[in-house]
Amino acid sequence: MGFRTHHVSAKEVQFNALTSQRYDSGSVHEGLMAKKMVDFYDFLLKINPQQPVTFNAERDITSWWNDLPIGRTHNIVVNEERQYAVAVGALPRTSDCQSGLIFFHLKDPSNPKTLGCASGDSYVQDAQCLVYRGPDRKYAGRDIYYGYNEDTLTIYAPRLGYQHAMERILVADDELDELRAAGPATSGYPITYFWDIRSLENPKQTGTFRSPGHGIDHNQFVVNGFAYQSHYGAGLRILDVRSLPRDPTGARVKEIGFFDIYPENDSLPNGGSIEFVGSWSHYPFFKSGCILVNTIERGAFILKRSH
């Protein structure tokens, strides 16, 4: 099956960009993942774990959505409650959507439909989409989008993010600040940034946490008060962030565990290396408590916390 491409129209979703706050790190992101269309597979098939299946793009595909501009998209994020998805960082930047948020419906996965795009702050590296249930009553029940952009945190609200579970604190990191020795990450130690988002129109960066070993932080997710982070060559790191609602400075945040998936750099000065090796992402949402960790060199690991 050949890939088909289609240029998305200039149809804009009507948005208020509530605010755009600059990161202290000041570094710039760039897309890493190449894809010209989005494929959908039904993973609810009955599969025998003893007989792993390699999915086939022609035989097993449910549908595809090809309203991306010609180029690549960095990520796809999904609002499961509202049943739609958002492509972010879809190149080229000169497209009508300017690599911003591109929306498509998933109510019928066999027939995804384009909803439009939001290009107000140009390139978006990653995002979190949710129905807001936080303390800012003005936006209660509305769809909110936390855009983790090149040098800003931009919060969008339609005129009709990973966020801490209590919807008061946002936890973020910057992939390139260690590589470019920018801001608090000048020393090469990965920095986690904390934001007070009780007011969506006036978010405030309140503090940071410095990881104990050199590396590059990437994807992270917050589950039940713990931040799970992929640090490339420094492996999977787990932070206890339950103190943040009481102390948003991060002074009480601590690392409670890690899993090393790239031992080749363990003997280096500062406990690691600043390079794109090891773990790029992971998935900590299984009800069993298992954590699936991907690696560049060694395939996938399935882990479970001991406490």
Protein backbone atom coordinates (compact mmCIF):
# COMPACT_ATOMS: atom_id res chain seq x y z
CA MET A 1 0.00 0.00 0.00
CA GLY A 2 1.52 3.30 -1.01
CA PHE A 3 1.35 6.37 1.20
CA ARG A 4 -1.05 9.06 0.11
CA THR A 5 -0.60 12.69 1.05
CA HIS A 6 -3.09 15.51 1.14
CA HIS A 7 -2.62 19.18 1.96
CA VAL A 8 -4.83 20.24 4.85
CA SER A 9 -6.93 23.32 4.22
CA ALA A 10 -6.62 26.59 6.07
CA LYS A 11 -9.76 25.87 8.09
CA GLU A 12 -8.97 27.16 11.57
CA VAL A 13 -10.45 25.95 14.82
CA GLN A 14 -11.47 29.06 16.75
CA PHE A 15 -9.15 29.31 19.76
CA ASN A 16 -8.07 31.63 22.46
CA ALA A 17 -4.40 31.21 23.24
CA LEU A 18 -4.90 31.92 26.92
CA THR A 19 -1.24 32.56 27.55
CA SER A 20 2.22 31.85 26.27
CA GLN A 21 5.00 31.75 28.86
CA ARG A 22 8.64 31.30 27.95
CA TYR A 23 10.73 28.49 29.38
CA ASP A 24 13.76 29.60 31.35
CA SER A 25 15.88 27.15 29.39
CA GLY A 26 15.42 29.02 26.11
CA SER A 27 16.28 25.98 24.00
CA VAL A 28 14.64 25.03 20.72
CA HIS A 29 13.01 21.73 19.81
CA GLU A 30 12.84 20.00 16.46
CA GLY A 31 10.71 17.12 15.23
CA LEU A 32 12.27 13.68 15.33
CA MET A 33 9.64 11.32 13.97
CA ALA A 34 8.81 10.84 10.30
CA LYS A 35 5.33 9.94 9.05
CA LYS A 36 3.10 11.32 6.30
CA MET A 37 -0.17 9.80 7.46
CA VAL A 38 -1.73 8.28 10.55
CA ASP A 39 -2.65 4.57 10.59
CA PHE A 40 -5.29 3.03 12.86
CA TYR A 41 -5.17 -0.55 14.12
CA ASP A 42 -7.70 -2.40 16.26
CA PHE A 43 -5.63 -3.72 19.16
CA LEU A 44 -8.65 -5.34 20.80
CA LEU A 45 -8.08 -8.41 18.67
CA LYS A 46 -7.78 -11.76 20.44
CA ILE A 47 -4.05 -12.42 20.47
CA ASN A 48 -2.27 -15.31 22.15
CA PRO A 49 0.62 -13.85 24.19
CA GLN A 50 2.59 -17.00 23.43
CA GLN A 51 2.32 -16.23 19.71
CA PRO A 52 3.28 -12.56 19.19
CA VAL A 53 1.80 -10.89 16.12
CA THR A 54 3.51 -8.58 13.67
CA PHE A 55 0.81 -6.27 12.33
CA ASN A 56 0.53 -5.87 8.60
CA ALA A 57 -0.22 -2.43 7.12
CA GLU A 58 -2.51 -3.92 4.47
CA ARG A 59 -4.19 -6.84 6.23
CA ASP A 60 -4.72 -5.44 9.75
CA ILE A 61 -5.27 -1.72 9.21
CA THR A 62 -8.65 -0.34 10.32
CA SER A 63 -8.31 2.99 8.53
CA TRP A 64 -5.93 5.83 7.92
CA TRP A 65 -6.07 9.60 8.14
CA ASN A 66 -3.98 11.46 5.60
CA ASP A 67 -4.83 15.14 6.08
CA LEU A 68 -1.35 15.97 7.28
CA PRO A 69 0.70 18.47 5.31
CA ILE A 70 3.40 16.93 3.15
CA GLY A 71 6.15 16.14 5.62
CA ARG A 72 6.25 14.60 9.11
CA THR A 73 4.43 14.86 12.42
CA HIS A 74 6.29 14.71 15.70
CA ASN A 75 3.49 13.24 17.82
CA ILE A 76 -0.20 12.36 18.08
CA VAL A 77 -2.07 13.05 21.32
CA VAL A 78 -5.59 11.84 22.09
CA ASN A 79 -8.49 13.16 24.17
CA GLU A 80 -10.12 9.83 24.91
CA GLU A 81 -13.08 11.40 26.72
CA ARG A 82 -14.03 13.57 23.73
CA GLN A 83 -12.91 10.99 21.14
CA TYR A 84 -10.59 13.07 19.01
CA ALA A 85 -6.86 13.32 18.40
CA VAL A 86 -4.38 16.10 17.68
CA ALA A 87 -1.31 15.91 15.45
CA VAL A 88 1.47 18.20 16.67
CA GLY A 89 4.68 19.32 15.02
CA ALA A 90 3.55 18.31 11.52
CA LEU A 91 6.05 19.71 9.05
CA PRO A 92 6.62 21.76 6.98
CA ARG A 93 6.38 24.86 9.12
CA THR A 94 5.27 26.82 6.09
CA SER A 95 1.98 24.90 5.84
CA ASP A 96 -1.32 26.62 6.63
CA CYS A 97 -1.29 25.12 10.12
CA GLN A 98 2.34 26.18 10.73
CA SER A 99 3.14 22.91 12.56
CA GLY A 100 0.60 23.76 15.27
CA LEU A 101 -2.36 21.67 16.47
CA ILE A 102 -4.23 19.67 13.79
CA PHE A 103 -7.48 18.07 15.01
CA PHE A 104 -9.32 14.99 13.76
CA HIS A 105 -12.33 13.04 15.08
CA LEU A 106 -12.09 9.43 16.25
CA LYS A 107 -15.74 8.69 17.09
CA ASP A 108 -15.69 6.31 14.16
CA PRO A 109 -12.11 4.98 13.95
CA SER A 110 -12.87 3.49 10.56
CA ASN A 111 -13.58 6.97 9.20
CA PRO A 112 -11.52 9.70 10.95
CA LYS A 113 -12.46 13.24 9.95
CA THR A 114 -10.40 16.43 9.98
CA LEU A 115 -11.74 19.17 12.27
CA GLY A 116 -9.26 21.96 11.51
CA CYS A 117 -6.15 23.38 13.11
CA ALA A 118 -4.76 26.02 15.44
CA SER A 119 -1.62 27.77 14.23
CA GLY A 120 -1.50 30.68 16.67
CA ASP A 121 1.86 29.84 18.26
CA SER A 122 3.39 28.00 15.32
CA TYR A 123 5.39 24.80 15.97
CA VAL A 124 4.16 22.57 18.81
CA GLN A 125 6.55 19.83 19.96
CA ASP A 126 4.10 17.98 22.18
CA ALA A 127 0.75 18.58 23.87
CA GLN A 128 -1.77 17.33 26.40
CA CYS A 129 -5.49 17.51 25.68
CA LEU A 130 -8.12 17.11 28.39
CA VAL A 131 -11.45 18.20 29.78
CA TYR A 132 -10.54 20.73 32.44
CA ARG A 133 -11.58 19.95 36.03
CA GLY A 134 -9.10 22.13 37.86
CA PRO A 135 -9.47 25.10 40.21
CA ASP A 136 -9.87 27.80 37.53
CA ARG A 137 -13.68 27.87 37.47
CA LYS A 138 -13.79 30.04 34.38
CA TYR A 139 -12.73 27.04 32.29
CA ALA A 140 -14.48 24.23 34.16
CA GLY A 141 -15.63 21.48 31.80
CA ARG A 142 -13.96 22.98 28.74
CA ASP A 143 -11.41 21.37 26.46
CA ILE A 144 -7.94 22.65 27.32
CA TYR A 145 -4.70 22.07 25.41
CA TYR A 146 -1.27 22.43 26.99
CA GLY A 147 1.13 23.12 24.15
CA TYR A 148 4.76 22.33 24.89
CA ASN A 149 6.25 24.51 22.23
CA GLU A 150 9.75 25.47 21.17
CA ASP A 151 10.43 27.97 23.91
CA THR A 152 7.04 28.46 25.53
CA LEU A 153 4.31 26.74 27.46
CA THR A 154 1.15 27.79 25.60
CA ILE A 155 -2.32 27.00 26.94
CA TYR A 156 -5.14 26.90 24.40
CA ALA A 157 -8.90 26.93 24.94
CA PRO A 158 -11.47 26.56 22.12
CA ARG A 159 -14.14 29.23 21.86
CA LEU A 160 -16.98 26.83 21.91
CA GLY A 161 0.16 19.61 28.83
CA TYR A 162 1.70 16.34 31.46
CA GLN A 163 -0.46 17.86 34.02
CA HIS A 164 -0.45 16.78 37.64
CA ALA A 165 -3.51 14.76 38.57
CA MET A 166 -4.81 17.51 40.88
CA GLU A 167 -4.82 19.92 37.93
CA ARG A 168 -2.91 22.55 39.85
CA ILE A 169 0.68 21.75 38.94
CA LEU A 170 2.17 21.03 35.53
CA VAL A 171 5.37 18.99 35.22
CA ALA A 172 7.52 19.46 32.11
CA ASP A 173 11.01 19.00 30.74
CA ASP A 174 13.04 20.31 27.81
CA GLU A 175 14.71 17.76 25.55
CA LEU A 176 17.45 20.00 24.27
CA ASP A 177 18.47 22.16 27.22
CA GLU A 178 21.09 19.65 28.36
CA LEU A 179 22.42 19.17 24.83
CA ARG A 180 22.73 22.93 24.30
CA ALA A 181 23.80 23.73 27.86
CA ALA A 182 20.92 26.18 28.26
CA GLY A 183 19.43 27.69 31.41
CA PRO A 184 19.39 25.54 34.56
CA ALA A 185 20.60 22.53 32.50
CA THR A 186 23.95 24.17 31.67
CA SER A 187 25.67 21.62 33.90
CA GLY A 188 24.32 18.70 31.82
CA TYR A 189 22.01 17.31 34.50
CA PRO A 190 18.38 16.87 33.28
CA ILE A 191 16.03 19.50 34.68
CA THR A 192 12.33 19.00 35.44
CA TYR A 193 10.30 22.23 35.50
CA PHE A 194 7.23 22.85 37.67
CA TRP A 195 4.40 25.25 36.82
CA ASP A 196 1.58 26.54 38.99
CA ILE A 197 -1.44 26.49 36.65
CA ARG A 198 -4.22 27.26 39.08
CA SER A 199 -4.87 30.26 36.85
CA LEU A 200 -4.81 29.12 33.22
CA GLU A 201 -4.37 32.70 32.04
CA ASN A 202 -1.42 33.32 34.35
CA PRO A 203 0.73 30.20 34.78
CA LYS A 204 3.88 30.61 36.85
CA GLN A 205 7.08 28.60 36.74
CA THR A 206 7.66 27.82 40.41
CA GLY A 207 10.67 25.53 40.62
CA THR A 208 12.85 22.76 39.23
CA PHE A 209 14.32 19.37 40.07
CA ARG A 210 17.80 18.31 38.97
CA SER A 211 18.39 14.66 38.13
CA PRO A 212 21.47 13.12 39.79
CA GLY A 213 23.20 11.94 36.59
CA HIS A 214 24.07 13.42 33.20
CA GLY A 215 21.57 12.68 30.45
CA ILE A 216 18.77 14.03 28.26
CA ASP A 217 15.20 13.99 29.52
CA HIS A 218 12.39 13.19 27.11
CA ASN A 219 8.87 11.78 27.47
CA GLN A 220 7.34 11.83 30.92
CA PHE A 221 3.96 10.98 32.42
CA VAL A 222 2.46 11.59 35.87
CA VAL A 223 0.51 8.70 37.43
CA ASN A 224 -0.88 8.84 40.97
CA GLY A 225 1.64 11.41 42.13
CA PHE A 226 4.71 9.87 40.51
CA ALA A 227 6.47 11.26 37.42
CA TYR A 228 7.86 8.57 35.12
CA GLN A 229 10.58 9.96 32.85
CA SER A 230 12.64 8.55 29.98
CA HIS A 231 16.16 9.99 30.20
CA TYR A 232 17.69 8.40 27.11
CA GLY A 233 21.03 6.90 28.30
CA ALA A 234 20.10 7.42 31.97
CA GLY A 235 17.13 5.11 31.55
CA LEU A 236 13.75 5.27 33.27
CA ARG A 237 13.63 7.65 36.25
CA ILE A 238 10.77 7.89 38.75
CA LEU A 239 10.12 11.04 40.79
CA ASP A 240 7.81 11.36 43.77
CA VAL A 241 5.96 14.62 43.03
CA ARG A 242 3.14 14.25 45.56
CA SER A 243 4.47 17.23 47.53
CA LEU A 244 4.00 19.72 44.68
CA PRO A 245 0.50 20.96 45.59
CA ARG A 246 1.86 21.92 49.03
CA ASP A 247 5.30 23.03 47.88
CA PRO A 248 5.40 23.93 44.16
CA THR A 249 9.08 24.90 44.38
CA GLY A 250 9.98 21.22 44.02
CA ALA A 251 12.18 21.30 47.13
CA ARG A 252 10.50 18.13 48.44
CA VAL A 253 10.50 16.25 45.14
CA LYS A 254 12.80 13.26 45.18
CA GLU A 255 13.86 10.45 42.89
CA ILE A 256 12.64 7.13 44.28
CA GLY A 257 14.02 4.76 41.66
CA PHE A 258 15.49 4.22 38.22
CA PHE A 259 16.15 1.44 35.73
CA ASP A 260 19.39 1.58 33.78
CA ILE A 261 18.99 0.43 30.18
CA TYR A 262 22.32 1.72 28.81
CA PRO A 263 25.20 0.55 31.07
CA GLU A 264 27.83 1.56 28.50
CA ASN A 265 27.95 5.09 29.94
CA ASP A 266 27.80 4.24 33.65
CA SER A 267 31.52 4.75 34.26
CA LEU A 268 31.65 8.16 32.59
CA PRO A 269 32.15 11.31 34.69
CA ASN A 270 28.94 12.69 36.18
CA GLY A 271 27.22 9.31 35.89
CA GLY A 272 26.12 9.37 32.27
CA SER A 273 26.30 10.88 28.81
CA ILE A 274 24.46 13.64 26.97
CA GLU A 275 23.52 11.82 23.78
CA PHE A 276 20.52 10.23 22.10
CA VAL A 277 20.91 6.62 23.24
CA GLY A 278 18.84 4.41 25.52
CA SER A 279 15.16 5.10 26.25
CA TRP A 280 13.10 7.60 24.27
CA SER A 281 9.74 6.78 25.85
CA HIS A 282 7.72 4.39 28.02
CA TYR A 283 4.12 3.57 29.01
CA PRO A 284 3.23 3.54 32.75
CA PHE A 285 -0.59 3.35 32.54
CA PHE A 286 -1.27 -0.40 32.72
CA LYS A 287 -3.69 -1.32 35.53
CA SER A 288 -1.31 -4.14 36.46
CA GLY A 289 1.34 -1.58 37.41
CA CYS A 290 3.66 -2.81 34.70
CA ILE A 291 5.74 -0.22 32.86
CA LEU A 292 6.71 -0.79 29.24
CA VAL A 293 10.04 0.90 28.48
CA ASN A 294 11.31 1.20 24.91
CA THR A 295 14.99 1.41 24.09
CA ILE A 296 16.90 2.25 20.95
CA GLU A 297 19.50 -0.52 21.25
CA ARG A 298 17.88 -3.34 23.24
CA GLY A 299 14.18 -3.51 22.38
CA ALA A 300 11.55 -3.22 25.11
CA PHE A 301 11.63 -3.93 28.84
CA ILE A 302 8.58 -4.67 31.00
CA LEU A 303 9.12 -3.44 34.57
CA LYS A 304 7.18 -3.24 37.78
CA ARG A 305 7.93 -1.08 40.80
CA SER A 306 8.87 -2.99 43.93
CA HIS A 307 7.33 -0.36 46.21
